[in-house]
Protein backbone atom coordinates (compact mmCIF):
# COMPACT_ATOMS: atom_id res chain seq x y z
CA UNK A 1 0.00 0.00 0.00
CA UNK A 2 1.20 3.49 -0.76
CA UNK A 3 2.31 4.70 2.66
CA UNK A 4 1.45 8.28 1.74
CA UNK A 5 -2.20 7.34 1.17
CA UNK A 6 -2.36 5.31 4.37
CA UNK A 7 -0.79 8.14 6.34
CA UNK A 8 -3.19 10.59 4.69
CA UNK A 9 -6.19 8.41 5.66
CA UNK A 10 -4.95 8.27 9.25
CA UNK A 11 -4.62 12.06 9.33
CA UNK A 12 -8.10 12.50 7.78
CA UNK A 13 -9.55 10.20 10.46
CA UNK A 14 -7.72 11.99 13.26
CA UNK A 15 -8.86 15.40 11.99
CA UNK A 16 -12.49 14.30 12.28
CA UNK A 17 -12.20 12.83 15.76
CA UNK A 18 -13.88 15.35 18.05
CA UNK A 19 -14.75 13.17 21.07
CA UNK A 20 -18.13 12.45 19.48
CA UNK A 21 -17.80 11.53 15.79
CA UNK A 22 -15.43 8.61 16.37
CA UNK A 23 -17.85 6.97 18.82
CA UNK A 24 -20.68 6.72 16.29
CA UNK A 25 -18.87 6.91 12.95
CA UNK A 26 -15.48 6.13 11.50
CA UNK A 27 -13.60 4.03 8.99
CA UNK A 28 -13.80 0.30 8.48
CA UNK A 29 -11.53 -1.97 6.42
CA UNK A 30 -12.61 -5.57 5.98
CA UNK A 31 -11.62 -8.48 3.81
CA UNK A 32 -13.91 -10.12 1.27
CA UNK A 33 -14.02 -13.82 0.55
CA UNK A 34 -13.53 -13.51 -3.22
CA UNK A 35 -10.70 -12.33 -2.14
CA UNK A 36 -10.73 -8.57 -1.83
CA UNK A 37 -11.29 -5.53 0.34
CA UNK A 38 -14.24 -3.49 1.60
CA UNK A 39 -13.57 0.07 2.75
CA UNK A 40 -16.28 2.18 4.36
CA UNK A 41 -15.98 5.75 5.58
CA UNK A 42 -18.83 7.42 7.43
CA UNK A 43 -19.40 10.89 6.02
CA UNK A 44 -21.89 12.02 8.66
CA UNK A 45 -20.81 15.26 10.27
CA UNK A 46 -17.95 15.80 7.81
CA UNK A 47 -17.46 18.33 5.06
CA UNK A 48 -18.30 15.51 2.62
CA UNK A 49 -21.75 14.65 3.93
CA UNK A 50 -23.59 16.48 1.16
CA UNK A 51 -20.94 16.33 -1.59
CA UNK A 52 -21.80 14.43 -4.75
CA UNK A 53 -19.73 11.42 -5.77
CA UNK A 54 -20.31 9.73 -9.10
CA UNK A 55 -20.15 5.95 -8.80
CA UNK A 56 -16.85 4.63 -10.14
CA UNK A 57 -16.51 1.08 -11.45
CA UNK A 58 -13.23 -0.17 -12.90
CA UNK A 59 -12.90 -3.80 -13.99
CA UNK A 60 -9.52 -4.70 -15.44
CA UNK A 61 -9.69 -8.43 -14.62
CA UNK A 62 -11.60 -10.69 -12.23
CA UNK A 63 -8.91 -9.97 -9.62
CA UNK A 64 -8.10 -6.32 -10.45
CA UNK A 65 -11.19 -4.18 -9.91
CA UNK A 66 -12.75 -1.44 -7.80
CA UNK A 67 -16.27 -0.20 -7.18
CA UNK A 68 -16.66 3.05 -5.25
CA UNK A 69 -19.94 4.77 -4.44
CA UNK A 70 -21.94 6.57 -1.78
CA UNK A 71 -24.47 4.43 0.09
CA UNK A 72 -27.03 5.24 2.74
CA UNK A 73 -29.62 7.92 3.23
CA UNK A 74 -28.73 11.55 2.43
CA UNK A 75 -28.47 12.33 6.15
CA UNK A 76 -26.26 9.27 6.82
CA UNK A 77 -24.03 8.70 3.77
CA UNK A 78 -21.10 6.34 3.62
CA UNK A 79 -18.26 6.18 1.12
CA UNK A 80 -18.36 2.51 0.17
CA UNK A 81 -15.57 0.83 -1.81
CA UNK A 82 -14.97 -2.77 -2.80
CA UNK A 83 -11.95 -4.03 -4.69
CA UNK A 84 -9.66 -6.90 -5.47
CA UNK A 85 -7.04 -8.25 -3.09
CA UNK A 86 -4.39 -5.84 -4.43
CA UNK A 87 -6.64 -2.79 -4.81
CA UNK A 88 -6.91 -1.42 -1.26
CA UNK A 89 -4.38 1.36 -1.90
CA UNK A 90 -6.25 2.35 -5.06
CA UNK A 91 -9.52 2.52 -3.14
CA UNK A 92 -7.96 4.83 -0.55
CA UNK A 93 -6.44 6.94 -3.33
CA UNK A 94 -9.86 7.33 -4.99
CA UNK A 95 -11.32 8.50 -1.68
CA UNK A 96 -8.39 10.89 -1.21
CA UNK A 97 -8.73 12.41 -4.69
CA UNK A 98 -12.44 13.01 -4.07
CA UNK A 99 -11.77 14.66 -0.70
CA UNK A 100 -9.06 16.89 -2.16
CA UNK A 101 -11.11 18.07 -5.19
PDB file of N, CA and C in Angstrom:
ATOM      1  N   UNK A   1       0.855  -1.182   0.000  1.00  0.00           N
ATOM      2  CA  UNK A   1       0.000   0.000   0.000  1.00  0.00           C
ATOM      3  C   UNK A   1       0.892   1.233   0.000  1.00  0.00           C
ATOM      4  N   UNK A   2       0.491   2.222  -0.740  1.00  0.00           N
ATOM      5  CA  UNK A   2       1.196   3.493  -0.761  1.00  0.00           C
ATOM      6  C   UNK A   2       1.127   4.102   0.637  1.00  0.00           C
ATOM      7  N   UNK A   3       2.278   4.198   1.276  1.00  0.00           N
ATOM      8  CA  UNK A   3       2.313   4.704   2.656  1.00  0.00           C
ATOM      9  C   UNK A   3       1.754   6.114   2.747  1.00  0.00           C
ATOM     10  N   UNK A   4       1.975   6.911   1.708  1.00  0.00           N
ATOM     11  CA  UNK A   4       1.453   8.275   1.738  1.00  0.00           C
ATOM     12  C   UNK A   4      -0.066   8.283   1.848  1.00  0.00           C
ATOM     13  N   UNK A   5      -0.739   7.400   1.094  1.00  0.00           N
ATOM     14  CA  UNK A   5      -2.201   7.344   1.166  1.00  0.00           C
ATOM     15  C   UNK A   5      -2.674   6.812   2.511  1.00  0.00           C
ATOM     16  N   UNK A   6      -1.986   5.829   3.056  1.00  0.00           N
ATOM     17  CA  UNK A   6      -2.362   5.308   4.368  1.00  0.00           C
ATOM     18  C   UNK A   6      -2.161   6.378   5.438  1.00  0.00           C
ATOM     19  N   UNK A   7      -1.034   7.060   5.380  1.00  0.00           N
ATOM     20  CA  UNK A   7      -0.790   8.141   6.339  1.00  0.00           C
ATOM     21  C   UNK A   7      -1.829   9.243   6.181  1.00  0.00           C
ATOM     22  N   UNK A   8      -2.177   9.574   4.932  1.00  0.00           N
ATOM     23  CA  UNK A   8      -3.194  10.588   4.686  1.00  0.00           C
ATOM     24  C   UNK A   8      -4.528  10.168   5.302  1.00  0.00           C
ATOM     25  N   UNK A   9      -4.923   8.900   5.110  1.00  0.00           N
ATOM     26  CA  UNK A   9      -6.192   8.414   5.658  1.00  0.00           C
ATOM     27  C   UNK A   9      -6.182   8.495   7.182  1.00  0.00           C
ATOM     28  N   UNK A  10      -5.069   8.153   7.795  1.00  0.00           N
ATOM     29  CA  UNK A  10      -4.952   8.266   9.251  1.00  0.00           C
ATOM     30  C   UNK A  10      -5.119   9.713   9.699  1.00  0.00           C
ATOM     31  N   UNK A  11      -4.495  10.636   8.975  1.00  0.00           N
ATOM     32  CA  UNK A  11      -4.622  12.058   9.332  1.00  0.00           C
ATOM     33  C   UNK A  11      -6.053  12.549   9.128  1.00  0.00           C
ATOM     34  N   UNK A  12      -6.709  12.106   8.036  1.00  0.00           N
ATOM     35  CA  UNK A  12      -8.097  12.503   7.784  1.00  0.00           C
ATOM     36  C   UNK A  12      -8.980  12.022   8.933  1.00  0.00           C
ATOM     37  N   UNK A  13      -8.784  10.761   9.341  1.00  0.00           N
ATOM     38  CA  UNK A  13      -9.552  10.204  10.457  1.00  0.00           C
ATOM     39  C   UNK A  13      -9.316  11.024  11.726  1.00  0.00           C
ATOM     40  N   UNK A  14      -8.054  11.258  12.037  1.00  0.00           N
ATOM     41  CA  UNK A  14      -7.720  11.992  13.265  1.00  0.00           C
ATOM     42  C   UNK A  14      -8.307  13.402  13.252  1.00  0.00           C
ATOM     43  N   UNK A  15      -8.320  14.044  12.103  1.00  0.00           N
ATOM     44  CA  UNK A  15      -8.857  15.402  11.993  1.00  0.00           C
ATOM     45  C   UNK A  15     -10.355  15.452  12.257  1.00  0.00           C
ATOM     46  N   UNK A  16     -11.041  14.329  12.070  1.00  0.00           N
ATOM     47  CA  UNK A  16     -12.489  14.302  12.278  1.00  0.00           C
ATOM     48  C   UNK A  16     -12.891  13.770  13.652  1.00  0.00           C
ATOM     49  N   UNK A  17     -11.918  13.280  14.401  1.00  0.00           N
ATOM     50  CA  UNK A  17     -12.203  12.826  15.764  1.00  0.00           C
ATOM     51  C   UNK A  17     -12.378  14.058  16.658  1.00  0.00           C
ATOM     52  N   UNK A  18     -13.566  14.172  17.234  1.00  0.00           N
ATOM     53  CA  UNK A  18     -13.877  15.353  18.048  1.00  0.00           C
ATOM     54  C   UNK A  18     -14.503  14.957  19.388  1.00  0.00           C
ATOM     55  N   UNK A  19     -14.203  13.745  19.838  1.00  0.00           N
ATOM     56  CA  UNK A  19     -14.745  13.168  21.066  1.00  0.00           C
ATOM     57  C   UNK A  19     -16.211  12.784  20.932  1.00  0.00           C
ATOM     58  N   UNK A  20     -16.752  12.864  19.746  1.00  0.00           N
ATOM     59  CA  UNK A  20     -18.130  12.447  19.477  1.00  0.00           C
ATOM     60  C   UNK A  20     -18.195  11.611  18.202  1.00  0.00           C
ATOM     61  N   UNK A  21     -17.701  12.173  17.100  1.00  0.00           N
ATOM     62  CA  UNK A  21     -17.800  11.525  15.789  1.00  0.00           C
ATOM     63  C   UNK A  21     -17.255  10.098  15.811  1.00  0.00           C
ATOM     64  N   UNK A  22     -16.088   9.918  16.395  1.00  0.00           N
ATOM     65  CA  UNK A  22     -15.430   8.611  16.367  1.00  0.00           C
ATOM     66  C   UNK A  22     -16.165   7.548  17.180  1.00  0.00           C
ATOM     67  N   UNK A  23     -17.085   7.939  18.044  1.00  0.00           N
ATOM     68  CA  UNK A  23     -17.851   6.967  18.825  1.00  0.00           C
ATOM     69  C   UNK A  23     -19.034   6.408  18.048  1.00  0.00           C
ATOM     70  N   UNK A  24     -19.515   7.158  17.068  1.00  0.00           N
ATOM     71  CA  UNK A  24     -20.679   6.722  16.294  1.00  0.00           C
ATOM     72  C   UNK A  24     -20.349   6.462  14.831  1.00  0.00           C
ATOM     73  N   UNK A  25     -19.225   6.984  14.362  1.00  0.00           N
ATOM     74  CA  UNK A  25     -18.868   6.910  12.950  1.00  0.00           C
ATOM     75  C   UNK A  25     -17.415   6.494  12.848  1.00  0.00           C
ATOM     76  N   UNK A  26     -16.886   6.457  11.644  1.00  0.00           N
ATOM     77  CA  UNK A  26     -15.476   6.127  11.499  1.00  0.00           C
ATOM     78  C   UNK A  26     -15.179   5.474  10.174  1.00  0.00           C
ATOM     79  N   UNK A  27     -14.100   4.708  10.184  1.00  0.00           N
ATOM     80  CA  UNK A  27     -13.602   4.033   8.989  1.00  0.00           C
ATOM     81  C   UNK A  27     -13.506   2.553   9.297  1.00  0.00           C
ATOM     82  N   UNK A  28     -13.874   1.744   8.319  1.00  0.00           N
ATOM     83  CA  UNK A  28     -13.796   0.295   8.476  1.00  0.00           C
ATOM     84  C   UNK A  28     -13.108  -0.302   7.254  1.00  0.00           C
ATOM     85  N   UNK A  29     -12.183  -1.221   7.488  1.00  0.00           N
ATOM     86  CA  UNK A  29     -11.528  -1.968   6.419  1.00  0.00           C
ATOM     87  C   UNK A  29     -11.720  -3.440   6.734  1.00  0.00           C
ATOM     88  N   UNK A  30     -12.331  -4.143   5.786  1.00  0.00           N
ATOM     89  CA  UNK A  30     -12.607  -5.566   5.978  1.00  0.00           C
ATOM     90  C   UNK A  30     -12.156  -6.342   4.750  1.00  0.00           C
ATOM     91  N   UNK A  31     -11.940  -7.625   4.944  1.00  0.00           N
ATOM     92  CA  UNK A  31     -11.616  -8.483   3.809  1.00  0.00           C
ATOM     93  C   UNK A  31     -12.884  -9.102   3.245  1.00  0.00           C
ATOM     94  N   UNK A  32     -12.823  -9.411   1.954  1.00  0.00           N
ATOM     95  CA  UNK A  32     -13.907 -10.116   1.266  1.00  0.00           C
ATOM     96  C   UNK A  32     -13.440 -11.530   0.980  1.00  0.00           C
ATOM     97  N   UNK A  33     -14.383 -12.420   0.768  1.00  0.00           N
ATOM     98  CA  UNK A  33     -14.018 -13.820   0.553  1.00  0.00           C
ATOM     99  C   UNK A  33     -13.752 -14.166  -0.909  1.00  0.00           C
ATOM    100  N   UNK A  34     -13.689 -13.180  -1.797  1.00  0.00           N
ATOM    101  CA  UNK A  34     -13.532 -13.515  -3.216  1.00  0.00           C
ATOM    102  C   UNK A  34     -12.109 -13.474  -3.781  1.00  0.00           C
ATOM    103  N   UNK A  35     -10.996 -13.178  -3.291  1.00  0.00           N
ATOM    104  CA  UNK A  35     -10.702 -12.326  -2.142  1.00  0.00           C
ATOM    105  C   UNK A  35     -10.687 -10.855  -2.546  1.00  0.00           C
ATOM    106  N   UNK A  36     -10.754 -10.001  -1.561  1.00  0.00           N
ATOM    107  CA  UNK A  36     -10.734  -8.574  -1.831  1.00  0.00           C
ATOM    108  C   UNK A  36     -10.883  -7.770  -0.561  1.00  0.00           C
ATOM    109  N   UNK A  37     -11.190  -6.480  -0.753  1.00  0.00           N
ATOM    110  CA  UNK A  37     -11.293  -5.528   0.345  1.00  0.00           C
ATOM    111  C   UNK A  37     -12.607  -4.773   0.289  1.00  0.00           C
ATOM    112  N   UNK A  38     -13.066  -4.353   1.470  1.00  0.00           N
ATOM    113  CA  UNK A  38     -14.245  -3.495   1.596  1.00  0.00           C
ATOM    114  C   UNK A  38     -13.853  -2.353   2.526  1.00  0.00           C
ATOM    115  N   UNK A  39     -13.907  -1.140   2.000  1.00  0.00           N
ATOM    116  CA  UNK A  39     -13.571   0.068   2.750  1.00  0.00           C
ATOM    117  C   UNK A  39     -14.831   0.900   2.903  1.00  0.00           C
ATOM    118  N   UNK A  40     -15.152   1.279   4.132  1.00  0.00           N
ATOM    119  CA  UNK A  40     -16.281   2.181   4.359  1.00  0.00           C
ATOM    120  C   UNK A  40     -15.806   3.359   5.204  1.00  0.00           C
ATOM    121  N   UNK A  41     -16.302   4.530   4.839  1.00  0.00           N
ATOM    122  CA  UNK A  41     -15.979   5.749   5.579  1.00  0.00           C
ATOM    123  C   UNK A  41     -17.285   6.480   5.835  1.00  0.00           C
ATOM    124  N   UNK A  42     -17.636   6.653   7.093  1.00  0.00           N
ATOM    125  CA  UNK A  42     -18.833   7.416   7.428  1.00  0.00           C
ATOM    126  C   UNK A  42     -18.579   8.884   7.113  1.00  0.00           C
ATOM    127  N   UNK A  43     -19.523   9.486   6.401  1.00  0.00           N
ATOM    128  CA  UNK A  43     -19.396  10.893   6.022  1.00  0.00           C
ATOM    129  C   UNK A  43     -20.248  11.813   6.886  1.00  0.00           C
ATOM    130  N   UNK A  44     -21.007  11.228   7.795  1.00  0.00           N
ATOM    131  CA  UNK A  44     -21.889  12.016   8.658  1.00  0.00           C
ATOM    132  C   UNK A  44     -21.057  13.003   9.472  1.00  0.00           C
ATOM    133  N   UNK A  45     -21.484  14.240   9.479  1.00  0.00           N
ATOM    134  CA  UNK A  45     -20.809  15.260  10.267  1.00  0.00           C
ATOM    135  C   UNK A  45     -19.491  15.735   9.693  1.00  0.00           C
ATOM    136  N   UNK A  46     -19.184  15.346   8.457  1.00  0.00           N
ATOM    137  CA  UNK A  46     -17.953  15.801   7.814  1.00  0.00           C
ATOM    138  C   UNK A  46     -18.297  16.787   6.708  1.00  0.00           C
ATOM    139  N   UNK A  47     -17.276  17.411   6.174  1.00  0.00           N
ATOM    140  CA  UNK A  47     -17.457  18.335   5.059  1.00  0.00           C
ATOM    141  C   UNK A  47     -17.932  17.626   3.792  1.00  0.00           C
ATOM    142  N   UNK A  48     -17.920  16.306   3.796  1.00  0.00           N
ATOM    143  CA  UNK A  48     -18.297  15.515   2.620  1.00  0.00           C
ATOM    144  C   UNK A  48     -19.731  15.008   2.665  1.00  0.00           C
ATOM    145  N   UNK A  49     -20.426  15.245   3.746  1.00  0.00           N
ATOM    146  CA  UNK A  49     -21.751  14.651   3.935  1.00  0.00           C
ATOM    147  C   UNK A  49     -22.695  14.935   2.775  1.00  0.00           C
ATOM    148  N   UNK A  50     -22.646  16.113   2.214  1.00  0.00           N
ATOM    149  CA  UNK A  50     -23.590  16.480   1.158  1.00  0.00           C
ATOM    150  C   UNK A  50     -22.927  16.572  -0.212  1.00  0.00           C
ATOM    151  N   UNK A  51     -21.649  16.225  -0.314  1.00  0.00           N
ATOM    152  CA  UNK A  51     -20.940  16.329  -1.589  1.00  0.00           C
ATOM    153  C   UNK A  51     -21.297  15.162  -2.504  1.00  0.00           C
ATOM    154  N   UNK A  52     -21.463  15.462  -3.763  1.00  0.00           N
ATOM    155  CA  UNK A  52     -21.799  14.433  -4.751  1.00  0.00           C
ATOM    156  C   UNK A  52     -20.559  13.619  -5.114  1.00  0.00           C
ATOM    157  N   UNK A  53     -20.770  12.323  -5.291  1.00  0.00           N
ATOM    158  CA  UNK A  53     -19.726  11.425  -5.773  1.00  0.00           C
ATOM    159  C   UNK A  53     -20.358  10.548  -6.836  1.00  0.00           C
ATOM    160  N   UNK A  54     -19.797  10.564  -8.009  1.00  0.00           N
ATOM    161  CA  UNK A  54     -20.306   9.731  -9.095  1.00  0.00           C
ATOM    162  C   UNK A  54     -19.716   8.330  -8.951  1.00  0.00           C
ATOM    163  N   UNK A  55     -20.597   7.333  -8.937  1.00  0.00           N
ATOM    164  CA  UNK A  55     -20.145   5.945  -8.801  1.00  0.00           C
ATOM    165  C   UNK A  55     -19.031   5.658  -9.799  1.00  0.00           C
ATOM    166  N   UNK A  56     -18.009   4.968  -9.320  1.00  0.00           N
ATOM    167  CA  UNK A  56     -16.854   4.626 -10.138  1.00  0.00           C
ATOM    168  C   UNK A  56     -16.686   3.112 -10.137  1.00  0.00           C
ATOM    169  N   UNK A  57     -16.692   2.524 -11.319  1.00  0.00           N
ATOM    170  CA  UNK A  57     -16.506   1.082 -11.448  1.00  0.00           C
ATOM    171  C   UNK A  57     -15.407   0.843 -12.470  1.00  0.00           C
ATOM    172  N   UNK A  58     -14.352   0.171 -12.036  1.00  0.00           N
ATOM    173  CA  UNK A  58     -13.229  -0.173 -12.905  1.00  0.00           C
ATOM    174  C   UNK A  58     -13.041  -1.681 -12.816  1.00  0.00           C
ATOM    175  N   UNK A  59     -13.121  -2.353 -13.954  1.00  0.00           N
ATOM    176  CA  UNK A  59     -12.901  -3.798 -13.993  1.00  0.00           C
ATOM    177  C   UNK A  59     -11.814  -4.079 -15.020  1.00  0.00           C
ATOM    178  N   UNK A  60     -10.625  -4.368 -14.543  1.00  0.00           N
ATOM    179  CA  UNK A  60      -9.518  -4.702 -15.435  1.00  0.00           C
ATOM    180  C   UNK A  60      -9.481  -6.207 -15.670  1.00  0.00           C
ATOM    181  N   UNK A  61      -9.612  -6.962 -14.574  1.00  0.00           N
ATOM    182  CA  UNK A  61      -9.693  -8.426 -14.623  1.00  0.00           C
ATOM    183  C   UNK A  61     -10.591  -8.859 -13.474  1.00  0.00           C
ATOM    184  N   UNK A  62     -10.803 -10.167 -13.345  1.00  0.00           N
ATOM    185  CA  UNK A  62     -11.599 -10.690 -12.232  1.00  0.00           C
ATOM    186  C   UNK A  62     -10.941 -10.420 -10.881  1.00  0.00           C
ATOM    187  N   UNK A  63      -9.628 -10.195 -10.875  1.00  0.00           N
ATOM    188  CA  UNK A  63      -8.906  -9.967  -9.623  1.00  0.00           C
ATOM    189  C   UNK A  63      -8.463  -8.515  -9.438  1.00  0.00           C
ATOM    190  N   UNK A  64      -8.577  -7.710 -10.468  1.00  0.00           N
ATOM    191  CA  UNK A  64      -8.104  -6.322 -10.447  1.00  0.00           C
ATOM    192  C   UNK A  64      -9.282  -5.412 -10.772  1.00  0.00           C
ATOM    193  N   UNK A  65      -9.954  -4.951  -9.712  1.00  0.00           N
ATOM    194  CA  UNK A  65     -11.187  -4.181  -9.908  1.00  0.00           C
ATOM    195  C   UNK A  65     -11.480  -3.320  -8.685  1.00  0.00           C
ATOM    196  N   UNK A  66     -12.251  -2.266  -8.905  1.00  0.00           N
ATOM    197  CA  UNK A  66     -12.748  -1.440  -7.804  1.00  0.00           C
ATOM    198  C   UNK A  66     -14.156  -0.954  -8.127  1.00  0.00           C
ATOM    199  N   UNK A  67     -14.937  -0.796  -7.095  1.00  0.00           N
ATOM    200  CA  UNK A  67     -16.270  -0.201  -7.181  1.00  0.00           C
ATOM    201  C   UNK A  67     -16.391   0.752  -5.999  1.00  0.00           C
ATOM    202  N   UNK A  68     -16.547   2.035  -6.294  1.00  0.00           N
ATOM    203  CA  UNK A  68     -16.656   3.052  -5.248  1.00  0.00           C
ATOM    204  C   UNK A  68     -17.950   3.819  -5.456  1.00  0.00           C
ATOM    205  N   UNK A  69     -18.668   4.055  -4.357  1.00  0.00           N
ATOM    206  CA  UNK A  69     -19.943   4.766  -4.442  1.00  0.00           C
ATOM    207  C   UNK A  69     -20.319   5.291  -3.063  1.00  0.00           C
ATOM    208  N   UNK A  70     -21.380   6.087  -3.036  1.00  0.00           N
ATOM    209  CA  UNK A  70     -21.941   6.567  -1.778  1.00  0.00           C
ATOM    210  C   UNK A  70     -23.203   5.759  -1.510  1.00  0.00           C
ATOM    211  N   UNK A  71     -23.293   5.187  -0.326  1.00  0.00           N
ATOM    212  CA  UNK A  71     -24.471   4.427   0.087  1.00  0.00           C
ATOM    213  C   UNK A  71     -25.104   5.104   1.294  1.00  0.00           C
ATOM    214  N   UNK A  72     -26.337   4.723   1.566  1.00  0.00           N
ATOM    215  CA  UNK A  72     -27.034   5.241   2.737  1.00  0.00           C
ATOM    216  C   UNK A  72     -27.963   6.377   2.387  1.00  0.00           C
ATOM    217  N   UNK A  73     -28.691   6.803   3.386  1.00  0.00           N
ATOM    218  CA  UNK A  73     -29.616   7.923   3.229  1.00  0.00           C
ATOM    219  C   UNK A  73     -28.829   9.227   3.138  1.00  0.00           C
ATOM    220  N   UNK A  74     -29.434  10.267   2.551  1.00  0.00           N
ATOM    221  CA  UNK A  74     -28.728  11.551   2.433  1.00  0.00           C
ATOM    222  C   UNK A  74     -28.216  12.097   3.765  1.00  0.00           C
ATOM    223  N   UNK A  75     -28.921  11.822   4.849  1.00  0.00           N
ATOM    224  CA  UNK A  75     -28.466  12.329   6.145  1.00  0.00           C
ATOM    225  C   UNK A  75     -27.510  11.370   6.853  1.00  0.00           C
ATOM    226  N   UNK A  76     -27.201  10.232   6.230  1.00  0.00           N
ATOM    227  CA  UNK A  76     -26.264   9.268   6.817  1.00  0.00           C
ATOM    228  C   UNK A  76     -25.467   8.559   5.722  1.00  0.00           C
ATOM    229  N   UNK A  77     -24.747   9.324   4.886  1.00  0.00           N
ATOM    230  CA  UNK A  77     -24.031   8.704   3.774  1.00  0.00           C
ATOM    231  C   UNK A  77     -22.728   8.038   4.201  1.00  0.00           C
ATOM    232  N   UNK A  78     -22.345   7.054   3.414  1.00  0.00           N
ATOM    233  CA  UNK A  78     -21.098   6.337   3.623  1.00  0.00           C
ATOM    234  C   UNK A  78     -20.381   6.188   2.294  1.00  0.00           C
ATOM    235  N   UNK A  79     -19.091   6.510   2.272  1.00  0.00           N
ATOM    236  CA  UNK A  79     -18.264   6.179   1.116  1.00  0.00           C
ATOM    237  C   UNK A  79     -18.032   4.689   1.205  1.00  0.00           C
ATOM    238  N   UNK A  80     -18.396   3.967   0.161  1.00  0.00           N
ATOM    239  CA  UNK A  80     -18.357   2.509   0.171  1.00  0.00           C
ATOM    240  C   UNK A  80     -17.520   2.041  -1.010  1.00  0.00           C
ATOM    241  N   UNK A  81     -16.452   1.306  -0.742  1.00  0.00           N
ATOM    242  CA  UNK A  81     -15.574   0.831  -1.806  1.00  0.00           C
ATOM    243  C   UNK A  81     -15.299  -0.656  -1.632  1.00  0.00           C
ATOM    244  N   UNK A  82     -15.338  -1.357  -2.746  1.00  0.00           N
ATOM    245  CA  UNK A  82     -14.970  -2.766  -2.805  1.00  0.00           C
ATOM    246  C   UNK A  82     -13.878  -2.893  -3.860  1.00  0.00           C
ATOM    247  N   UNK A  83     -12.993  -3.843  -3.683  1.00  0.00           N
ATOM    248  CA  UNK A  83     -11.951  -4.032  -4.685  1.00  0.00           C
ATOM    249  C   UNK A  83     -11.254  -5.359  -4.518  1.00  0.00           C
ATOM    250  N   UNK A  84     -10.426  -5.669  -5.494  1.00  0.00           N
ATOM    251  CA  UNK A  84      -9.658  -6.899  -5.473  1.00  0.00           C
ATOM    252  C   UNK A  84      -8.623  -6.907  -4.356  1.00  0.00           C
ATOM    253  N   UNK A  85      -7.982  -8.056  -4.193  1.00  0.00           N
ATOM    254  CA  UNK A  85      -7.038  -8.247  -3.089  1.00  0.00           C
ATOM    255  C   UNK A  85      -5.852  -7.281  -3.132  1.00  0.00           C
ATOM    256  N   UNK A  86      -5.513  -6.768  -4.311  1.00  0.00           N
ATOM    257  CA  UNK A  86      -4.387  -5.843  -4.433  1.00  0.00           C
ATOM    258  C   UNK A  86      -4.836  -4.415  -4.733  1.00  0.00           C
ATOM    259  N   UNK A  87      -6.095  -4.098  -4.456  1.00  0.00           N
ATOM    260  CA  UNK A  87      -6.641  -2.787  -4.813  1.00  0.00           C
ATOM    261  C   UNK A  87      -6.962  -1.879  -3.626  1.00  0.00           C
ATOM    262  N   UNK A  88      -6.583  -2.253  -2.419  1.00  0.00           N
ATOM    263  CA  UNK A  88      -6.910  -1.420  -1.260  1.00  0.00           C
ATOM    264  C   UNK A  88      -6.292  -0.026  -1.378  1.00  0.00           C
ATOM    265  N   UNK A  89      -5.033   0.052  -1.764  1.00  0.00           N
ATOM    266  CA  UNK A  89      -4.379   1.359  -1.901  1.00  0.00           C
ATOM    267  C   UNK A  89      -5.090   2.218  -2.938  1.00  0.00           C
ATOM    268  N   UNK A  90      -5.523   1.611  -4.024  1.00  0.00           N
ATOM    269  CA  UNK A  90      -6.246   2.347  -5.062  1.00  0.00           C
ATOM    270  C   UNK A  90      -7.572   2.879  -4.528  1.00  0.00           C
ATOM    271  N   UNK A  91      -8.256   2.089  -3.720  1.00  0.00           N
ATOM    272  CA  UNK A  91      -9.525   2.520  -3.141  1.00  0.00           C
ATOM    273  C   UNK A  91      -9.318   3.735  -2.235  1.00  0.00           C
ATOM    274  N   UNK A  92      -8.271   3.694  -1.424  1.00  0.00           N
ATOM    275  CA  UNK A  92      -7.965   4.831  -0.552  1.00  0.00           C
ATOM    276  C   UNK A  92      -7.592   6.046  -1.394  1.00  0.00           C
ATOM    277  N   UNK A  93      -6.837   5.829  -2.464  1.00  0.00           N
ATOM    278  CA  UNK A  93      -6.445   6.938  -3.334  1.00  0.00           C
ATOM    279  C   UNK A  93      -7.657   7.582  -4.000  1.00  0.00           C
ATOM    280  N   UNK A  94      -8.634   6.790  -4.404  1.00  0.00           N
ATOM    281  CA  UNK A  94      -9.861   7.329  -4.993  1.00  0.00           C
ATOM    282  C   UNK A  94     -10.590   8.196  -3.972  1.00  0.00           C
ATOM    283  N   UNK A  95     -10.689   7.704  -2.739  1.00  0.00           N
ATOM    284  CA  UNK A  95     -11.317   8.502  -1.684  1.00  0.00           C
ATOM    285  C   UNK A  95     -10.542   9.804  -1.481  1.00  0.00           C
ATOM    286  N   UNK A  96      -9.227   9.707  -1.425  1.00  0.00           N
ATOM    287  CA  UNK A  96      -8.389  10.892  -1.208  1.00  0.00           C
ATOM    288  C   UNK A  96      -8.575  11.922  -2.322  1.00  0.00           C
ATOM    289  N   UNK A  97      -8.557  11.473  -3.572  1.00  0.00           N
ATOM    290  CA  UNK A  97      -8.728  12.406  -4.693  1.00  0.00           C
ATOM    291  C   UNK A  97     -10.065  13.127  -4.602  1.00  0.00           C
ATOM    292  N   UNK A  98     -11.116  12.399  -4.205  1.00  0.00           N
ATOM    293  CA  UNK A  98     -12.439  13.011  -4.070  1.00  0.00           C
ATOM    294  C   UNK A  98     -12.441  14.058  -2.954  1.00  0.00           C
ATOM    295  N   UNK A  99     -11.834  13.722  -1.836  1.00  0.00           N
ATOM    296  CA  UNK A  99     -11.773  14.656  -0.705  1.00  0.00           C
ATOM    297  C   UNK A  99     -11.016  15.922  -1.098  1.00  0.00           C
ATOM    298  N   UNK A 100      -9.936  15.761  -1.844  1.00  0.00           N
ATOM    299  CA  UNK A 100      -9.065  16.889  -2.162  1.00  0.00           C
ATOM    300  C   UNK A 100      -9.506  17.683  -3.389  1.00  0.00           C
ATOM    301  N   UNK A 101     -10.611  17.312  -4.018  1.00  0.00           N
ATOM    302  CA  UNK A 101     -11.112  18.065  -5.186  1.00  0.00           C
ATOM    303  C   UNK A 101     -11.415  19.493  -4.812  1.00  0.00           C
TER     304      UNK A 101
END
